[in-house]
Amino acid sequence: MTNYYIIVVLFASIFIIVLAFFTTRLVSGGFNQRILSRNIKFIERLPLGLDKSLILVQLDKHFYLIYISKNGVKLIDKIDSLEIKDISERNISFSEMLSKFRNFKNK
């Protein structure tokens, strides 16, 4: 009886863990699809502290700079047009980066 009980508890635990995994994947995937299907794009988020952040949001052709804290949400500015630079990392070798650092340190 004890061997049977251990096997049942083991399988029940594994089943609960797998069920929790797929439930969180389903919930997070559904939430992301709802966000992606709207006309609002979150361009960038800048954390300012533990519970404060600036968020740049695009709605149609307008951009909004929003401040979010635990006390609430405030609209800082509405920008009609904004040039967004795509800052993608270049492939820089380590030796090139090290030489730039040495040159900067020597100045």
Foldseek 3Di string as FASTA:
>chain_A
DVVVVVVVVVVVVVVVVVVVVVVVVVVVVVVVVVVVVDQKDWDDWADPDDFWIWTWMDHPQKIWIWIGGPVGIDTDDIGNHDDDDDDDDDDDDPVRVVVVVVVVVVD
